[in-house]
PDB file of N, CA and C in Angstrom:
ATOM      1  N   MET A   1       0.811  -1.202   0.000  1.00  0.00           N
ATOM      2  CA  MET A   1       0.000   0.000   0.000  1.00  0.00           C
ATOM      3  C   MET A   1       0.850   1.260   0.000  1.00  0.00           C
ATOM      4  N   PHE A   2       1.990   1.203   0.666  1.00  0.00           N
ATOM      5  CA  PHE A   2       2.831   2.380   0.773  1.00  0.00           C
ATOM      6  C   PHE A   2       4.114   2.198  -0.029  1.00  0.00           C
ATOM      7  N   ALA A   3       3.999   1.791  -1.257  1.00  0.00           N
ATOM      8  CA  ALA A   3       5.182   1.493  -2.063  1.00  0.00           C
ATOM      9  C   ALA A   3       6.061   2.722  -2.270  1.00  0.00           C
ATOM     10  N   ASP A   4       5.481   3.875  -2.439  1.00  0.00           N
ATOM     11  CA  ASP A   4       6.245   5.089  -2.694  1.00  0.00           C
ATOM     12  C   ASP A   4       6.340   6.002  -1.485  1.00  0.00           C
ATOM     13  N   ARG A   5       5.630   5.668  -0.419  1.00  0.00           N
ATOM     14  CA  ARG A   5       5.602   6.533   0.765  1.00  0.00           C
ATOM     15  C   ARG A   5       6.137   5.750   1.967  1.00  0.00           C
ATOM     16  N   TYR A   6       7.406   5.936   2.257  1.00  0.00           N
ATOM     17  CA  TYR A   6       8.045   5.167   3.318  1.00  0.00           C
ATOM     18  C   TYR A   6       7.700   5.690   4.708  1.00  0.00           C
ATOM     19  N   GLU A   7       7.502   6.993   4.851  1.00  0.00           N
ATOM     20  CA  GLU A   7       7.209   7.545   6.172  1.00  0.00           C
ATOM     21  C   GLU A   7       5.882   7.050   6.735  1.00  0.00           C
ATOM     22  N   PRO A   8       4.769   7.055   5.972  1.00  0.00           N
ATOM     23  CA  PRO A   8       3.526   6.498   6.526  1.00  0.00           C
ATOM     24  C   PRO A   8       3.629   5.012   6.833  1.00  0.00           C
ATOM     25  N   ALA A   9       4.363   4.279   6.006  1.00  0.00           N
ATOM     26  CA  ALA A   9       4.518   2.840   6.254  1.00  0.00           C
ATOM     27  C   ALA A   9       5.283   2.605   7.548  1.00  0.00           C
ATOM     28  N   PHE A  10       6.362   3.335   7.749  1.00  0.00           N
ATOM     29  CA  PHE A  10       7.143   3.194   8.963  1.00  0.00           C
ATOM     30  C   PHE A  10       6.333   3.636  10.175  1.00  0.00           C
ATOM     31  N   GLY A  11       5.558   4.701  10.024  1.00  0.00           N
ATOM     32  CA  GLY A  11       4.713   5.176  11.121  1.00  0.00           C
ATOM     33  C   GLY A  11       3.666   4.145  11.519  1.00  0.00           C
ATOM     34  N   CYS A  12       3.028   3.528  10.545  1.00  0.00           N
ATOM     35  CA  CYS A  12       2.039   2.487  10.838  1.00  0.00           C
ATOM     36  C   CYS A  12       2.686   1.302  11.537  1.00  0.00           C
ATOM     37  N   CYS A  13       3.868   0.944  11.088  1.00  0.00           N
ATOM     38  CA  CYS A  13       4.595  -0.172  11.694  1.00  0.00           C
ATOM     39  C   CYS A  13       4.912   0.124  13.154  1.00  0.00           C
ATOM     40  N   ARG A  14       5.399   1.308  13.437  1.00  0.00           N
ATOM     41  CA  ARG A  14       5.760   1.671  14.810  1.00  0.00           C
ATOM     42  C   ARG A  14       4.526   1.754  15.713  1.00  0.00           C
ATOM     43  N   VAL A  15       3.418   2.263  15.192  1.00  0.00           N
ATOM     44  CA  VAL A  15       2.187   2.330  15.985  1.00  0.00           C
ATOM     45  C   VAL A  15       1.713   0.929  16.337  1.00  0.00           C
ATOM     46  N   LEU A  16       1.714   0.033  15.367  1.00  0.00           N
ATOM     47  CA  LEU A  16       1.267  -1.327  15.639  1.00  0.00           C
ATOM     48  C   LEU A  16       2.218  -2.060  16.581  1.00  0.00           C
ATOM     49  N   GLN A  17       3.504  -1.783  16.504  1.00  0.00           N
ATOM     50  CA  GLN A  17       4.439  -2.370  17.453  1.00  0.00           C
ATOM     51  C   GLN A  17       4.149  -1.880  18.868  1.00  0.00           C
ATOM     52  N   GLY A  18       3.820  -0.610  18.997  1.00  0.00           N
ATOM     53  CA  GLY A  18       3.485  -0.056  20.304  1.00  0.00           C
ATOM     54  C   GLY A  18       2.220  -0.662  20.878  1.00  0.00           C
ATOM     55  N   VAL A  19       1.218  -0.818  20.040  1.00  0.00           N
ATOM     56  CA  VAL A  19      -0.036  -1.430  20.488  1.00  0.00           C
ATOM     57  C   VAL A  19       0.205  -2.874  20.916  1.00  0.00           C
ATOM     58  N   GLY A  20       1.015  -3.597  20.157  1.00  0.00           N
ATOM     59  CA  GLY A  20       1.337  -4.969  20.525  1.00  0.00           C
ATOM     60  C   GLY A  20       2.086  -5.043  21.838  1.00  0.00           C
ATOM     61  N   GLY A  21       3.020  -4.144  22.052  1.00  0.00           N
ATOM     62  CA  GLY A  21       3.764  -4.108  23.303  1.00  0.00           C
ATOM     63  C   GLY A  21       2.877  -3.820  24.498  1.00  0.00           C
ATOM     64  N   ILE A  22       1.951  -2.904  24.326  1.00  0.00           N
ATOM     65  CA  ILE A  22       1.004  -2.595  25.402  1.00  0.00           C
ATOM     66  C   ILE A  22       0.113  -3.791  25.699  1.00  0.00           C
ATOM     67  N   ALA A  23      -0.354  -4.463  24.660  1.00  0.00           N
ATOM     68  CA  ALA A  23      -1.207  -5.638  24.858  1.00  0.00           C
ATOM     69  C   ALA A  23      -0.458  -6.734  25.609  1.00  0.00           C
ATOM     70  N   ILE A  24       0.788  -6.974  25.235  1.00  0.00           N
ATOM     71  CA  ILE A  24       1.592  -7.995  25.911  1.00  0.00           C
ATOM     72  C   ILE A  24       1.821  -7.604  27.374  1.00  0.00           C
ATOM     73  N   PHE A  25       2.121  -6.342  27.607  1.00  0.00           N
ATOM     74  CA  PHE A  25       2.350  -5.882  28.977  1.00  0.00           C
ATOM     75  C   PHE A  25       1.101  -6.042  29.829  1.00  0.00           C
ATOM     76  N   LEU A  26      -0.059  -5.691  29.279  1.00  0.00           N
ATOM     77  CA  LEU A  26      -1.301  -5.796  30.042  1.00  0.00           C
ATOM     78  C   LEU A  26      -1.690  -7.240  30.317  1.00  0.00           C
ATOM     79  N   MET A  27      -1.324  -8.149  29.435  1.00  0.00           N
ATOM     80  CA  MET A  27      -1.684  -9.556  29.609  1.00  0.00           C
ATOM     81  C   MET A  27      -0.670 -10.333  30.436  1.00  0.00           C
ATOM     82  N   SER A  28       0.463  -9.738  30.761  1.00  0.00           N
ATOM     83  CA  SER A  28       1.565 -10.496  31.344  1.00  0.00           C
ATOM     84  C   SER A  28       1.211 -11.177  32.659  1.00  0.00           C
ATOM     85  N   ASN A  29       0.459 -10.543  33.522  1.00  0.00           N
ATOM     86  CA  ASN A  29       0.137 -11.139  34.814  1.00  0.00           C
ATOM     87  C   ASN A  29      -1.165 -11.927  34.796  1.00  0.00           C
ATOM     88  N   ALA A  30      -2.023 -11.648  33.848  1.00  0.00           N
ATOM     89  CA  ALA A  30      -3.356 -12.245  33.864  1.00  0.00           C
ATOM     90  C   ALA A  30      -3.426 -13.597  33.148  1.00  0.00           C
ATOM     91  N   LEU A  31      -2.534 -13.841  32.211  1.00  0.00           N
ATOM     92  CA  LEU A  31      -2.636 -15.046  31.395  1.00  0.00           C
ATOM     93  C   LEU A  31      -1.410 -15.938  31.561  1.00  0.00           C
ATOM     94  N   CYS A  32      -1.623 -17.233  31.386  1.00  0.00           N
ATOM     95  CA  CYS A  32      -0.493 -18.163  31.434  1.00  0.00           C
ATOM     96  C   CYS A  32       0.257 -18.133  30.103  1.00  0.00           C
ATOM     97  N   MET A  33       1.416 -18.751  30.070  1.00  0.00           N
ATOM     98  CA  MET A  33       2.290 -18.703  28.893  1.00  0.00           C
ATOM     99  C   MET A  33       1.631 -19.341  27.668  1.00  0.00           C
ATOM    100  N   MET A  34       0.939 -20.454  27.851  1.00  0.00           N
ATOM    101  CA  MET A  34       0.315 -21.138  26.707  1.00  0.00           C
ATOM    102  C   MET A  34      -0.753 -20.250  26.068  1.00  0.00           C
ATOM    103  N   THR A  35      -1.506 -19.539  26.878  1.00  0.00           N
ATOM    104  CA  THR A  35      -2.531 -18.642  26.339  1.00  0.00           C
ATOM    105  C   THR A  35      -1.890 -17.516  25.536  1.00  0.00           C
ATOM    106  N   LYS A  36      -0.791 -16.986  26.019  1.00  0.00           N
ATOM    107  CA  LYS A  36      -0.089 -15.927  25.293  1.00  0.00           C
ATOM    108  C   LYS A  36       0.449 -16.443  23.959  1.00  0.00           C
ATOM    109  N   ILE A  37       1.004 -17.651  23.973  1.00  0.00           N
ATOM    110  CA  ILE A  37       1.527 -18.238  22.733  1.00  0.00           C
ATOM    111  C   ILE A  37       0.407 -18.434  21.721  1.00  0.00           C
ATOM    112  N   ILE A  38      -0.734 -18.922  22.175  1.00  0.00           N
ATOM    113  CA  ILE A  38      -1.883 -19.109  21.281  1.00  0.00           C
ATOM    114  C   ILE A  38      -2.357 -17.774  20.742  1.00  0.00           C
ATOM    115  N   PHE A  39      -2.402 -16.767  21.598  1.00  0.00           N
ATOM    116  CA  PHE A  39      -2.845 -15.435  21.182  1.00  0.00           C
ATOM    117  C   PHE A  39      -1.909 -14.862  20.123  1.00  0.00           C
ATOM    118  N   ILE A  40      -0.604 -14.946  20.343  1.00  0.00           N
ATOM    119  CA  ILE A  40       0.355 -14.395  19.393  1.00  0.00           C
ATOM    120  C   ILE A  40       0.347 -15.181  18.082  1.00  0.00           C
ATOM    121  N   THR A  41       0.207 -16.493  18.173  1.00  0.00           N
ATOM    122  CA  THR A  41       0.105 -17.309  16.955  1.00  0.00           C
ATOM    123  C   THR A  41      -1.132 -16.928  16.152  1.00  0.00           C
ATOM    124  N   GLY A  42      -2.245 -16.763  16.841  1.00  0.00           N
ATOM    125  CA  GLY A  42      -3.475 -16.349  16.160  1.00  0.00           C
ATOM    126  C   GLY A  42      -3.331 -14.984  15.514  1.00  0.00           C
ATOM    127  N   ALA A  43      -2.678 -14.054  16.204  1.00  0.00           N
ATOM    128  CA  ALA A  43      -2.464 -12.725  15.636  1.00  0.00           C
ATOM    129  C   ALA A  43      -1.590 -12.800  14.386  1.00  0.00           C
ATOM    130  N   CYS A  44      -0.561 -13.647  14.415  1.00  0.00           N
ATOM    131  CA  CYS A  44       0.298 -13.809  13.235  1.00  0.00           C
ATOM    132  C   CYS A  44      -0.478 -14.396  12.059  1.00  0.00           C
ATOM    133  N   VAL A  45      -1.322 -15.367  12.335  1.00  0.00           N
ATOM    134  CA  VAL A  45      -2.125 -15.979  11.267  1.00  0.00           C
ATOM    135  C   VAL A  45      -3.098 -14.960  10.681  1.00  0.00           C
ATOM    136  N   VAL A  46      -3.774 -14.216  11.552  1.00  0.00           N
ATOM    137  CA  VAL A  46      -4.751 -13.220  11.081  1.00  0.00           C
ATOM    138  C   VAL A  46      -4.064 -12.148  10.245  1.00  0.00           C
ATOM    139  N   THR A  47      -2.918 -11.642  10.690  1.00  0.00           N
ATOM    140  CA  THR A  47      -2.240 -10.602   9.921  1.00  0.00           C
ATOM    141  C   THR A  47      -1.698 -11.127   8.600  1.00  0.00           C
ATOM    142  N   THR A  48      -1.245 -12.377   8.577  1.00  0.00           N
ATOM    143  CA  THR A  48      -0.771 -12.956   7.318  1.00  0.00           C
ATOM    144  C   THR A  48      -1.911 -13.103   6.326  1.00  0.00           C
ATOM    145  N   VAL A  49      -3.044 -13.581   6.783  1.00  0.00           N
ATOM    146  CA  VAL A  49      -4.218 -13.722   5.908  1.00  0.00           C
ATOM    147  C   VAL A  49      -4.673 -12.347   5.419  1.00  0.00           C
ATOM    148  N   ALA A  50      -4.683 -11.361   6.307  1.00  0.00           N
ATOM    149  CA  ALA A  50      -5.083 -10.008   5.908  1.00  0.00           C
ATOM    150  C   ALA A  50      -4.119  -9.439   4.870  1.00  0.00           C
ATOM    151  N   TYR A  51      -2.838  -9.703   5.030  1.00  0.00           N
ATOM    152  CA  TYR A  51      -1.845  -9.234   4.060  1.00  0.00           C
ATOM    153  C   TYR A  51      -2.061  -9.872   2.695  1.00  0.00           C
ATOM    154  N   VAL A  52      -2.316 -11.163   2.679  1.00  0.00           N
ATOM    155  CA  VAL A  52      -2.553 -11.859   1.411  1.00  0.00           C
ATOM    156  C   VAL A  52      -3.805 -11.308   0.732  1.00  0.00           C
ATOM    157  N   ILE A  53      -4.863 -11.095   1.491  1.00  0.00           N
ATOM    158  CA  ILE A  53      -6.097 -10.534   0.932  1.00  0.00           C
ATOM    159  C   ILE A  53      -5.839  -9.144   0.375  1.00  0.00           C
ATOM    160  N   LEU A  54      -5.063  -8.331   1.091  1.00  0.00           N
ATOM    161  CA  LEU A  54      -4.734  -6.984   0.618  1.00  0.00           C
ATOM    162  C   LEU A  54      -3.943  -7.038  -0.681  1.00  0.00           C
ATOM    163  N   GLU A  55      -2.955  -7.900  -0.757  1.00  0.00           N
ATOM    164  CA  GLU A  55      -2.143  -8.009  -1.969  1.00  0.00           C
ATOM    165  C   GLU A  55      -2.972  -8.486  -3.159  1.00  0.00           C
ATOM    166  N   VAL A  56      -3.844  -9.472  -2.936  1.00  0.00           N
ATOM    167  CA  VAL A  56      -4.703  -9.958  -4.020  1.00  0.00           C
ATOM    168  C   VAL A  56      -5.635  -8.847  -4.494  1.00  0.00           C
ATOM    169  N   GLY A  57      -6.190  -8.096  -3.554  1.00  0.00           N
ATOM    170  CA  GLY A  57      -7.074  -6.987  -3.923  1.00  0.00           C
ATOM    171  C   GLY A  57      -6.349  -5.914  -4.707  1.00  0.00           C
ATOM    172  N   LEU A  58      -5.132  -5.573  -4.286  1.00  0.00           N
ATOM    173  CA  LEU A  58      -4.362  -4.569  -5.017  1.00  0.00           C
ATOM    174  C   LEU A  58      -3.978  -5.068  -6.406  1.00  0.00           C
ATOM    175  N   LYS A  59      -3.662  -6.348  -6.526  1.00  0.00           N
ATOM    176  CA  LYS A  59      -3.316  -6.912  -7.835  1.00  0.00           C
ATOM    177  C   LYS A  59      -4.521  -6.885  -8.774  1.00  0.00           C
ATOM    178  N   ARG A  60      -5.684  -7.256  -8.240  1.00  0.00           N
ATOM    179  CA  ARG A  60      -6.898  -7.216  -9.075  1.00  0.00           C
ATOM    180  C   ARG A  60      -7.211  -5.795  -9.521  1.00  0.00           C
ATOM    181  N   THR A  61      -7.035  -4.834  -8.623  1.00  0.00           N
ATOM    182  CA  THR A  61      -7.284  -3.444  -8.981  1.00  0.00           C
ATOM    183  C   THR A  61      -6.325  -2.991 -10.069  1.00  0.00           C
ATOM    184  N   ALA A  62      -5.052  -3.371  -9.964  1.00  0.00           N
ATOM    185  CA  ALA A  62      -4.065  -2.994 -10.974  1.00  0.00           C
ATOM    186  C   ALA A  62      -4.398  -3.620 -12.326  1.00  0.00           C
ATOM    187  N   VAL A  63      -4.806  -4.889 -12.321  1.00  0.00           N
ATOM    188  CA  VAL A  63      -5.166  -5.564 -13.569  1.00  0.00           C
ATOM    189  C   VAL A  63      -6.406  -4.912 -14.178  1.00  0.00           C
ATOM    190  N   ARG A  64      -7.381  -4.601 -13.340  1.00  0.00           N
ATOM    191  CA  ARG A  64      -8.610  -3.969 -13.822  1.00  0.00           C
ATOM    192  C   ARG A  64      -8.312  -2.596 -14.411  1.00  0.00           C
ATOM    193  N   ASP A  65      -7.455  -1.818 -13.757  1.00  0.00           N
ATOM    194  CA  ASP A  65      -7.096  -0.502 -14.275  1.00  0.00           C
ATOM    195  C   ASP A  65      -6.325  -0.612 -15.588  1.00  0.00           C
ATOM    196  N   ALA A  66      -5.447  -1.599 -15.688  1.00  0.00           N
ATOM    197  CA  ALA A  66      -4.684  -1.793 -16.926  1.00  0.00           C
ATOM    198  C   ALA A  66      -5.604  -2.173 -18.077  1.00  0.00           C
ATOM    199  N   SER A  67      -6.592  -3.016 -17.814  1.00  0.00           N
ATOM    200  CA  SER A  67      -7.517  -3.405 -18.884  1.00  0.00           C
ATOM    201  C   SER A  67      -8.389  -2.233 -19.302  1.00  0.00           C
ATOM    202  N   ARG A  68      -8.746  -1.386 -18.354  1.00  0.00           N
ATOM    203  CA  ARG A  68      -9.540  -0.192 -18.710  1.00  0.00           C
ATOM    204  C   ARG A  68      -8.720   0.757 -19.574  1.00  0.00           C
ATOM    205  N   GLN A  69      -7.444   0.896 -19.274  1.00  0.00           N
ATOM    206  CA  GLN A  69      -6.588   1.771 -20.081  1.00  0.00           C
ATOM    207  C   GLN A  69      -6.418   1.210 -21.484  1.00  0.00           C
ATOM    208  N   GLU A  70      -6.325  -0.118 -21.626  1.00  0.00           N
ATOM    209  CA  GLU A  70      -6.217  -0.715 -22.939  1.00  0.00           C
ATOM    210  C   GLU A  70      -7.480  -0.485 -23.755  1.00  0.00           C
ATOM    211  N   ILE A  71      -8.619  -0.592 -23.107  1.00  0.00           N
ATOM    212  CA  ILE A  71      -9.891  -0.372 -23.804  1.00  0.00           C
ATOM    213  C   ILE A  71      -9.983   1.078 -24.255  1.00  0.00           C
ATOM    214  N   GLU A  72      -9.547   2.029 -23.415  1.00  0.00           N
ATOM    215  CA  GLU A  72      -9.606   3.453 -23.770  1.00  0.00           C
ATOM    216  C   GLU A  72      -8.655   3.756 -24.920  1.00  0.00           C
ATOM    217  N   VAL A  73      -7.504   3.107 -24.943  1.00  0.00           N
ATOM    218  CA  VAL A  73      -6.522   3.350 -26.007  1.00  0.00           C
ATOM    219  C   VAL A  73      -7.062   2.822 -27.330  1.00  0.00           C
ATOM    220  N   GLU A  74      -7.708   1.661 -27.317  1.00  0.00           N
ATOM    221  CA  GLU A  74      -8.254   1.075 -28.531  1.00  0.00           C
ATOM    222  C   GLU A  74      -9.426   1.876 -29.074  1.00  0.00           C
ATOM    223  N   ALA A  75     -10.189   2.509 -28.201  1.00  0.00           N
ATOM    224  CA  ALA A  75     -11.380   3.243 -28.629  1.00  0.00           C
ATOM    225  C   ALA A  75     -11.031   4.561 -29.179  1.00  0.00           C
TER     226      ALA A  75
END
């Protein structure tokens, strides 16, 4: 999403790292280690799936835009 804009990408990354750190800190005394491992594994799976969906959506949009430009050039 931020291929040409490195500052917003880095900012989003740092914000999400901060939120994750706060979540881990808040859960440290309340949950056992196995629950934390399951939670972090689930978060990794969810973010990976979301990333794949985002990439597929961006690819489809790029293909759709390219086909529209070809149609406009031919017309």
